[in-house]
N, C-alpha and C. Protein backbone atom coordinates (compact mmCIF):
# COMPACT_ATOMS: atom_id res chain seq x y z
N MET A 1 6.36 2.34 -26.66
CA MET A 1 5.35 2.71 -26.47
C MET A 1 4.24 1.78 -27.50
N ALA A 2 4.63 1.42 -28.67
CA ALA A 2 3.74 0.68 -29.46
C ALA A 2 3.56 -0.91 -28.65
N ASP A 3 4.90 -1.61 -28.16
CA ASP A 3 4.89 -2.51 -27.57
C ASP A 3 3.93 -2.81 -26.51
N THR A 4 3.51 -1.42 -25.84
CA THR A 4 2.96 -1.38 -24.25
C THR A 4 1.45 -1.43 -25.10
N LEU A 5 0.82 -0.67 -25.96
CA LEU A 5 -0.24 -0.83 -26.92
C LEU A 5 -0.55 -2.12 -27.00
N ARG A 6 0.22 -2.98 -27.91
CA ARG A 6 -0.20 -4.36 -28.29
C ARG A 6 -0.35 -5.36 -27.26
N ASN A 7 0.61 -4.93 -25.76
CA ASN A 7 0.40 -5.87 -24.88
C ASN A 7 -0.92 -5.88 -24.51
N VAL A 8 -1.41 -4.55 -24.29
CA VAL A 8 -2.87 -4.35 -23.64
C VAL A 8 -4.02 -4.98 -24.95
N ALA A 9 -3.84 -5.07 -26.14
CA ALA A 9 -4.58 -5.54 -26.99
C ALA A 9 -4.49 -6.97 -27.45
N LEU A 10 -3.44 -7.85 -26.70
CA LEU A 10 -3.27 -8.94 -26.49
C LEU A 10 -3.50 -9.67 -25.47
N ALA A 11 -4.12 -8.97 -24.58
CA ALA A 11 -4.54 -9.40 -22.91
C ALA A 11 -5.45 -10.63 -23.03
N PRO A 12 -5.56 -11.71 -22.64
CA PRO A 12 -6.52 -12.66 -22.64
C PRO A 12 -7.55 -12.23 -22.50
N PRO A 13 -8.67 -12.59 -22.75
CA PRO A 13 -10.03 -11.93 -22.72
C PRO A 13 -10.50 -11.99 -21.68
N ILE A 14 -10.52 -12.82 -20.59
CA ILE A 14 -10.82 -12.71 -19.16
C ILE A 14 -10.37 -11.73 -18.81
N ALA A 15 -8.73 -11.62 -18.87
CA ALA A 15 -7.89 -10.49 -18.01
C ALA A 15 -8.21 -9.13 -18.72
N ALA A 16 -8.61 -9.08 -20.11
CA ALA A 16 -8.90 -7.80 -20.46
C ALA A 16 -10.00 -7.39 -20.00
N GLY A 17 -11.38 -7.96 -20.11
CA GLY A 17 -12.65 -7.74 -19.23
C GLY A 17 -12.51 -7.08 -17.86
N VAL A 18 -11.65 -7.86 -17.16
CA VAL A 18 -11.62 -7.24 -15.72
C VAL A 18 -10.81 -6.22 -15.44
N ALA A 19 -10.06 -5.86 -16.78
CA ALA A 19 -9.16 -4.71 -16.61
C ALA A 19 -10.15 -3.18 -17.14
N ARG A 20 -11.27 -3.81 -18.22
CA ARG A 20 -12.20 -2.81 -18.47
C ARG A 20 -12.98 -2.54 -17.34
N GLY A 21 -13.51 -3.25 -16.74
CA GLY A 21 -14.52 -3.09 -15.46
C GLY A 21 -14.01 -2.52 -14.42
N VAL A 22 -12.50 -2.43 -14.19
CA VAL A 22 -11.70 -1.88 -13.21
C VAL A 22 -11.90 -0.87 -13.40
N SER A 23 -11.53 -0.14 -14.95
CA SER A 23 -11.25 1.01 -15.20
C SER A 23 -12.42 1.95 -15.15
N ARG A 24 -13.84 1.01 -15.39
CA ARG A 24 -14.78 1.60 -15.40
C ARG A 24 -15.25 2.21 -13.93
N LEU A 25 -15.25 1.10 -13.10
CA LEU A 25 -15.46 1.23 -11.66
C LEU A 25 -14.46 2.45 -11.29
N LEU A 26 -13.21 2.84 -11.27
CA LEU A 26 -12.23 3.73 -10.87
C LEU A 26 -12.84 4.94 -11.49
N LEU A 27 -13.33 5.05 -12.65
CA LEU A 27 -13.61 6.21 -13.42
C LEU A 27 -14.97 6.70 -12.76
N ALA A 28 -15.95 5.79 -12.55
CA ALA A 28 -17.10 6.24 -11.58
C ALA A 28 -16.59 6.83 -10.10
N GLN A 29 -15.38 6.25 -9.54
CA GLN A 29 -14.98 7.02 -8.26
C GLN A 29 -14.30 7.84 -8.33
N GLY A 30 -14.10 8.43 -9.54
CA GLY A 30 -13.03 10.10 -9.70
C GLY A 30 -11.75 9.75 -10.15
N PHE A 31 -11.26 8.41 -10.24
CA PHE A 31 -10.08 8.01 -10.69
C PHE A 31 -9.68 8.10 -11.92
N SER A 32 -8.71 8.51 -12.51
CA SER A 32 -8.48 8.23 -14.06
C SER A 32 -7.32 7.02 -14.19
N PRO A 33 -7.82 6.14 -14.77
CA PRO A 33 -6.87 5.16 -14.96
C PRO A 33 -6.18 4.86 -16.32
N ILE A 34 -5.07 3.99 -15.78
CA ILE A 34 -4.12 3.71 -17.52
C ILE A 34 -3.71 2.12 -17.12
N VAL A 35 -4.24 1.27 -17.91
CA VAL A 35 -3.74 0.06 -18.18
C VAL A 35 -2.53 -0.18 -18.41
N GLU A 36 -2.12 -1.32 -17.92
CA GLU A 36 -0.48 -1.69 -18.35
C GLU A 36 0.47 -0.42 -18.13
N PHE A 37 0.68 -0.08 -16.63
CA PHE A 37 1.07 1.41 -16.55
C PHE A 37 2.72 0.78 -16.19
N PRO A 38 3.92 1.49 -16.80
CA PRO A 38 5.14 0.87 -16.65
C PRO A 38 5.57 1.55 -15.32
N LEU A 39 6.39 0.81 -14.23
CA LEU A 39 7.09 1.41 -13.17
C LEU A 39 8.46 1.35 -13.28
N THR A 40 9.25 2.31 -12.63
CA THR A 40 10.92 2.59 -12.63
C THR A 40 11.52 1.25 -12.23
N ASN A 41 10.97 0.26 -11.89
CA ASN A 41 11.43 -0.95 -11.59
C ASN A 41 11.76 -2.01 -12.30
N GLY A 42 10.77 -1.72 -13.80
CA GLY A 42 11.34 -2.69 -14.61
C GLY A 42 9.64 -3.40 -15.05
N ARG A 43 9.06 -3.04 -13.94
CA ARG A 43 7.51 -3.87 -13.80
C ARG A 43 6.31 -2.98 -13.92
N ARG A 44 5.13 -3.42 -14.42
CA ARG A 44 4.15 -2.96 -15.03
C ARG A 44 2.96 -3.43 -13.88
N LEU A 45 2.09 -2.05 -13.82
CA LEU A 45 0.85 -2.74 -13.15
C LEU A 45 -0.16 -2.86 -14.34
N ASP A 46 -0.89 -3.85 -13.72
CA ASP A 46 -1.95 -4.26 -14.96
C ASP A 46 -2.84 -2.86 -14.89
N VAL A 47 -3.34 -2.21 -13.96
CA VAL A 47 -4.13 -0.91 -14.00
C VAL A 47 -3.33 0.02 -12.74
N ALA A 48 -3.17 1.06 -13.22
CA ALA A 48 -2.76 2.11 -12.47
C ALA A 48 -4.03 3.48 -12.37
N ALA A 49 -4.15 4.13 -11.32
CA ALA A 49 -5.40 5.33 -11.36
C ALA A 49 -4.66 6.14 -10.80
N LEU A 50 -5.22 7.44 -10.95
CA LEU A 50 -4.42 8.75 -10.10
C LEU A 50 -5.58 9.42 -9.99
N GLY A 51 -5.93 9.57 -8.61
CA GLY A 51 -6.97 10.50 -7.91
C GLY A 51 -6.71 11.98 -8.18
N ALA A 52 -7.68 12.69 -7.95
CA ALA A 52 -7.68 14.40 -7.97
C ALA A 52 -6.61 14.83 -6.75
N ASP A 53 -6.93 14.39 -5.83
CA ASP A 53 -5.87 14.65 -4.62
C ASP A 53 -4.76 13.69 -4.47
N GLY A 54 -4.17 13.06 -5.70
CA GLY A 54 -2.88 12.83 -6.16
C GLY A 54 -2.81 11.08 -5.48
N THR A 55 -3.71 10.67 -4.90
CA THR A 55 -3.74 9.08 -4.54
C THR A 55 -3.51 8.29 -5.73
N ILE A 56 -2.27 7.45 -5.61
CA ILE A 56 -2.05 6.40 -6.65
C ILE A 56 -2.59 5.05 -6.41
N ILE A 57 -3.45 4.60 -7.05
CA ILE A 57 -3.73 3.22 -6.97
C ILE A 57 -3.24 2.13 -8.01
N GLY A 58 -2.54 1.05 -7.20
CA GLY A 58 -2.26 0.04 -7.88
C GLY A 58 -3.37 -1.31 -8.29
N ILE A 59 -3.03 -2.11 -9.17
CA ILE A 59 -4.16 -2.93 -9.01
C ILE A 59 -3.42 -4.13 -9.88
N GLU A 60 -3.19 -5.31 -9.81
CA GLU A 60 -2.97 -6.50 -10.36
C GLU A 60 -3.68 -7.72 -10.34
N ILE A 61 -4.19 -7.69 -11.86
CA ILE A 61 -5.39 -8.78 -11.96
C ILE A 61 -4.87 -10.06 -12.09
N LYS A 62 -5.85 -10.88 -11.66
CA LYS A 62 -5.49 -12.69 -11.71
C LYS A 62 -6.72 -13.28 -12.04
N VAL A 63 -6.86 -13.93 -13.25
CA VAL A 63 -7.82 -14.57 -13.37
C VAL A 63 -7.69 -15.95 -13.15
N SER A 64 -6.72 -16.48 -12.69
CA SER A 64 -6.83 -17.87 -12.02
C SER A 64 -6.13 -18.30 -10.94
N VAL A 65 -6.48 -19.53 -10.48
CA VAL A 65 -5.66 -19.88 -9.21
C VAL A 65 -4.19 -20.18 -9.46
N ALA A 66 -3.96 -20.51 -10.51
CA ALA A 66 -2.30 -20.95 -11.44
C ALA A 66 -1.54 -19.94 -11.61
N ASP A 67 -2.13 -18.56 -12.12
CA ASP A 67 -1.67 -17.37 -12.20
C ASP A 67 -1.54 -16.58 -11.06
N PHE A 68 -2.38 -16.66 -10.22
CA PHE A 68 -1.88 -16.24 -8.90
C PHE A 68 -0.96 -17.05 -8.13
N SER A 69 -1.32 -18.06 -8.16
CA SER A 69 0.19 -18.71 -7.42
C SER A 69 1.32 -18.85 -8.11
N ALA A 70 1.80 -18.47 -9.14
CA ALA A 70 2.63 -18.49 -9.94
C ALA A 70 3.42 -17.07 -9.70
N ASP A 71 2.67 -15.96 -9.37
CA ASP A 71 3.05 -14.53 -9.30
C ASP A 71 3.82 -14.25 -7.93
N ASP A 72 4.99 -14.00 -7.95
CA ASP A 72 5.77 -13.72 -6.64
C ASP A 72 6.22 -12.01 -6.45
N LYS A 73 5.97 -11.52 -7.82
CA LYS A 73 6.35 -10.24 -7.94
C LYS A 73 5.58 -8.96 -7.70
N TRP A 74 4.02 -9.25 -7.24
CA TRP A 74 3.27 -8.64 -6.74
C TRP A 74 3.97 -7.57 -5.51
N PRO A 75 4.19 -8.01 -4.76
CA PRO A 75 4.88 -7.38 -3.36
C PRO A 75 5.66 -6.31 -4.07
N THR A 76 6.49 -6.15 -5.37
CA THR A 76 7.33 -4.95 -5.52
C THR A 76 6.53 -4.13 -6.38
N TYR A 77 5.28 -3.98 -6.74
CA TYR A 77 4.23 -3.12 -6.70
C TYR A 77 4.09 -2.07 -5.32
N LEU A 78 3.99 -2.62 -4.35
CA LEU A 78 3.74 -1.74 -3.13
C LEU A 78 4.58 -0.54 -3.17
N PRO A 79 5.71 -0.43 -3.16
CA PRO A 79 6.34 1.02 -3.15
C PRO A 79 6.00 1.63 -4.02
N PHE A 80 5.24 1.70 -4.86
CA PHE A 80 4.62 2.47 -5.78
C PHE A 80 3.33 2.90 -6.03
N CYS A 81 2.49 2.60 -4.81
CA CYS A 81 0.99 2.75 -4.65
C CYS A 81 0.84 3.59 -3.44
N ASP A 82 -0.36 4.20 -3.16
CA ASP A 82 -0.97 4.27 -1.89
C ASP A 82 -1.95 3.58 -1.37
N LEU A 83 -2.58 3.00 -2.46
CA LEU A 83 -3.50 1.54 -2.27
C LEU A 83 -3.30 0.82 -3.41
N PHE A 84 -3.07 -0.60 -2.72
CA PHE A 84 -3.06 -1.73 -3.77
C PHE A 84 -3.98 -2.72 -3.82
N TYR A 85 -4.74 -3.20 -4.78
CA TYR A 85 -5.90 -4.10 -4.85
C TYR A 85 -5.33 -5.17 -5.80
N PHE A 86 -5.96 -6.47 -5.72
CA PHE A 86 -6.28 -7.73 -6.61
C PHE A 86 -7.48 -6.95 -7.04
N ALA A 87 -7.70 -7.44 -8.52
CA ALA A 87 -8.60 -7.49 -9.11
C ALA A 87 -8.73 -9.20 -10.02
N VAL A 88 -9.98 -9.60 -9.45
CA VAL A 88 -10.22 -11.04 -9.86
C VAL A 88 -11.80 -10.83 -10.58
N PRO A 89 -12.03 -11.77 -11.49
CA PRO A 89 -13.21 -12.21 -11.89
C PRO A 89 -14.01 -12.88 -10.76
N SER A 90 -15.48 -12.91 -10.58
CA SER A 90 -16.51 -13.45 -9.79
C SER A 90 -16.03 -14.97 -9.29
N GLU A 91 -15.55 -15.38 -10.35
CA GLU A 91 -15.44 -17.02 -9.93
C GLU A 91 -14.09 -17.70 -9.43
N PHE A 92 -12.98 -16.56 -9.16
CA PHE A 92 -11.86 -16.55 -8.61
C PHE A 92 -12.13 -16.70 -7.02
N PRO A 93 -11.43 -17.81 -6.22
CA PRO A 93 -11.31 -17.97 -4.89
C PRO A 93 -10.74 -17.00 -4.14
N GLN A 94 -11.94 -15.71 -3.72
CA GLN A 94 -11.42 -14.65 -2.98
C GLN A 94 -10.40 -15.09 -1.58
N ASN A 95 -10.76 -16.04 -1.15
CA ASN A 95 -10.12 -16.35 0.01
C ASN A 95 -8.25 -16.47 -0.08
N MET A 96 -8.15 -16.50 -1.70
CA MET A 96 -6.72 -16.79 -1.34
C MET A 96 -6.00 -15.06 -1.75
N VAL A 97 -6.70 -14.34 -1.87
CA VAL A 97 -6.13 -12.87 -1.69
C VAL A 97 -5.65 -12.37 -0.58
N PRO A 98 -4.35 -12.02 -0.49
CA PRO A 98 -3.89 -11.91 1.16
C PRO A 98 -4.82 -10.32 1.81
N LEU A 99 -5.18 -10.73 2.82
CA LEU A 99 -5.80 -9.91 3.76
C LEU A 99 -5.52 -8.63 3.84
N HIS A 100 -4.13 -8.19 4.03
CA HIS A 100 -3.89 -6.80 3.94
C HIS A 100 -3.89 -6.15 2.53
N THR A 101 -4.37 -6.71 1.40
CA THR A 101 -4.39 -5.99 0.33
C THR A 101 -6.15 -5.73 -0.15
N GLY A 102 -6.17 -4.79 -1.09
CA GLY A 102 -7.65 -4.65 -1.21
C GLY A 102 -8.19 -5.60 -2.49
N LEU A 103 -9.24 -5.73 -2.61
CA LEU A 103 -10.08 -6.82 -3.39
C LEU A 103 -11.08 -6.35 -4.37
N ILE A 104 -11.18 -6.33 -5.67
CA ILE A 104 -11.99 -5.84 -6.56
C ILE A 104 -12.33 -7.17 -7.36
N VAL A 105 -13.92 -7.34 -7.57
CA VAL A 105 -14.18 -8.21 -8.05
C VAL A 105 -14.71 -7.41 -9.48
N ALA A 106 -14.49 -8.19 -10.45
CA ALA A 106 -14.80 -7.16 -11.80
C ALA A 106 -15.00 -8.22 -13.26
N ASP A 107 -15.83 -7.63 -14.31
CA ASP A 107 -15.96 -8.03 -15.42
C ASP A 107 -15.97 -7.07 -16.39
N ARG A 108 -16.25 -7.43 -17.87
CA ARG A 108 -16.32 -6.42 -18.82
C ARG A 108 -17.32 -5.13 -18.78
N PHE A 109 -18.24 -5.51 -17.97
CA PHE A 109 -19.05 -4.36 -17.19
C PHE A 109 -19.20 -3.54 -16.29
N GLY A 110 -18.03 -4.15 -15.40
CA GLY A 110 -17.94 -3.15 -14.32
C GLY A 110 -17.49 -3.79 -13.23
N GLY A 111 -17.34 -3.08 -11.89
CA GLY A 111 -16.66 -4.06 -10.72
C GLY A 111 -17.01 -3.32 -9.48
N ALA A 112 -16.39 -4.02 -8.33
CA ALA A 112 -17.11 -3.96 -7.04
C ALA A 112 -15.83 -3.84 -6.42
N ILE A 113 -15.77 -2.83 -5.22
CA ILE A 113 -14.71 -2.97 -4.24
C ILE A 113 -15.39 -4.05 -2.99
N LEU A 114 -14.83 -5.26 -2.85
CA LEU A 114 -15.51 -6.11 -1.83
C LEU A 114 -14.62 -5.81 -0.67
N ARG A 115 -13.34 -5.44 -0.53
CA ARG A 115 -12.13 -5.12 0.79
C ARG A 115 -11.59 -3.92 0.35
N GLU A 116 -11.48 -2.92 1.03
CA GLU A 116 -10.79 -2.14 1.05
C GLU A 116 -9.39 -2.08 1.08
N ALA A 117 -8.37 -1.31 0.38
CA ALA A 117 -6.91 -1.72 0.46
C ALA A 117 -6.35 -0.81 1.88
N SER A 118 -5.36 -1.43 2.47
CA SER A 118 -4.61 -0.58 3.24
C SER A 118 -3.99 0.26 2.76
N ARG A 119 -3.96 1.80 3.19
CA ARG A 119 -3.44 2.85 2.95
C ARG A 119 -2.10 3.06 3.26
N MET A 120 -0.87 2.98 2.35
CA MET A 120 0.41 3.08 2.30
C MET A 120 0.74 4.83 2.23
N THR A 121 1.47 5.26 2.49
CA THR A 121 2.20 6.34 2.19
C THR A 121 3.61 6.75 1.23
N LEU A 122 3.19 7.17 0.20
CA LEU A 122 4.59 7.76 -0.81
C LEU A 122 5.40 8.51 -0.60
N HIS A 123 6.72 8.77 -0.38
CA HIS A 123 7.51 9.50 -0.23
C HIS A 123 7.01 10.38 -1.50
N ALA A 124 7.39 11.94 -1.07
CA ALA A 124 7.12 13.03 -2.07
C ALA A 124 7.79 12.96 -3.29
N SER A 125 8.95 12.39 -3.21
CA SER A 125 9.52 12.64 -4.77
C SER A 125 9.26 10.98 -5.50
N ARG A 126 8.48 10.17 -4.78
CA ARG A 126 8.38 9.07 -5.57
C ARG A 126 7.09 9.60 -6.28
N ARG A 127 5.84 10.31 -5.28
CA ARG A 127 4.78 10.43 -5.94
C ARG A 127 4.67 11.20 -6.92
N ARG A 128 5.63 12.14 -7.06
CA ARG A 128 6.23 13.45 -8.14
C ARG A 128 6.71 12.50 -9.22
N ALA A 129 7.61 11.72 -9.27
CA ALA A 129 7.94 10.97 -10.27
C ALA A 129 6.94 10.40 -10.74
N LEU A 130 6.28 9.55 -10.19
CA LEU A 130 5.03 8.73 -10.49
C LEU A 130 3.78 9.41 -11.31
N THR A 131 3.27 10.39 -10.79
CA THR A 131 2.24 11.53 -11.16
C THR A 131 3.04 11.83 -12.75
N LEU A 132 4.18 12.33 -13.00
CA LEU A 132 5.11 12.94 -14.33
C LEU A 132 5.00 11.72 -15.30
N ASN A 133 5.45 10.45 -14.48
CA ASN A 133 5.18 9.38 -15.44
C ASN A 133 3.72 9.15 -16.00
N PHE A 134 2.96 9.14 -15.17
CA PHE A 134 1.70 8.83 -15.30
C PHE A 134 0.84 9.92 -16.70
N ALA A 135 1.34 11.44 -16.11
CA ALA A 135 0.95 12.22 -17.44
C ALA A 135 1.70 11.95 -18.50
N ARG A 136 3.14 11.33 -18.73
CA ARG A 136 3.57 11.44 -19.83
C ARG A 136 3.04 10.25 -20.69
N THR A 137 2.83 9.16 -19.92
CA THR A 137 2.25 7.86 -20.34
C THR A 137 1.08 8.28 -21.53
N ALA A 138 0.12 8.75 -20.10
CA ALA A 138 -1.20 9.03 -20.98
C ALA A 138 -1.07 9.81 -22.33
N ALA A 139 -0.51 10.97 -21.93
CA ALA A 139 -0.36 11.99 -23.23
C ALA A 139 0.71 11.02 -24.53
N GLU A 140 1.44 10.10 -24.38
CA GLU A 140 1.93 9.23 -25.12
C GLU A 140 0.83 8.41 -26.03
N ARG A 141 0.08 7.90 -25.34
CA ARG A 141 -0.92 7.27 -25.65
C ARG A 141 -1.86 7.60 -26.53
N LEU A 142 -2.04 9.02 -25.90
CA LEU A 142 -3.45 9.74 -26.92
C LEU A 142 -2.65 10.23 -27.87
N THR A 143 -1.71 10.47 -28.24
CA THR A 143 -0.86 10.92 -29.42
C THR A 143 -0.53 9.87 -30.30
N ALA A 144 -0.37 8.50 -29.62
CA ALA A 144 -0.29 7.41 -30.58
C ALA A 144 -1.71 6.73 -30.88
N ALA A 145 -3.08 6.61 -30.44
CA ALA A 145 -4.12 6.68 -30.60
C ALA A 145 -4.63 7.43 -31.66
N ARG A 146 -4.46 8.81 -31.82
CA ARG A 146 -4.69 9.61 -32.79
C ARG A 146 -3.88 9.64 -34.06
N ASP A 147 -2.56 9.17 -33.84
CA ASP A 147 -1.62 9.40 -34.84
C ASP A 147 -0.99 7.53 -34.80
N PRO A 148 -1.34 6.69 -35.09
CA PRO A 148 -0.68 5.28 -35.10
C PRO A 148 0.90 5.26 -35.70
N ASN A 149 1.05 5.98 -36.55
CA ASN A 149 2.08 6.04 -37.36
C ASN A 149 3.23 6.99 -36.62
N CYS A 150 2.89 7.53 -35.74
CA CYS A 150 4.05 8.57 -34.99
C CYS A 150 5.26 7.91 -34.38
N TRP A 151 5.15 6.64 -34.28
CA TRP A 151 6.25 6.19 -33.89
C TRP A 151 7.00 5.42 -34.69
């Protein structure tokens, strides 16, 4: 847990700003976001969000062409969300983002959805496991924020 919190704190400034803006956008739309959300396949979503209806959103942040081009792992996130978006800063060439994924442009002040994601359907057992993981992750981070020496 402490390593995950450290990774969030050490994120490059542009990526951290995009994550902050994405989180603000999601909150405004009624979703509860978590930055650096761990998955059971050993990967981590840059931002995950849970909706009141159980919808799970996955977001991968890309801040440069090199960052995007070097990433071949993002398809492994798709089985873990109902909606998948790339979130990029405004100067990112948006035509690089695959058309079957959603697109968010964000900075540290907020964000906007430029292209909606295609809806996928999670299996009920995976949704349940993800929702429980989401709740546990949120609770552990709240505990660590209130008592940094608990770990």
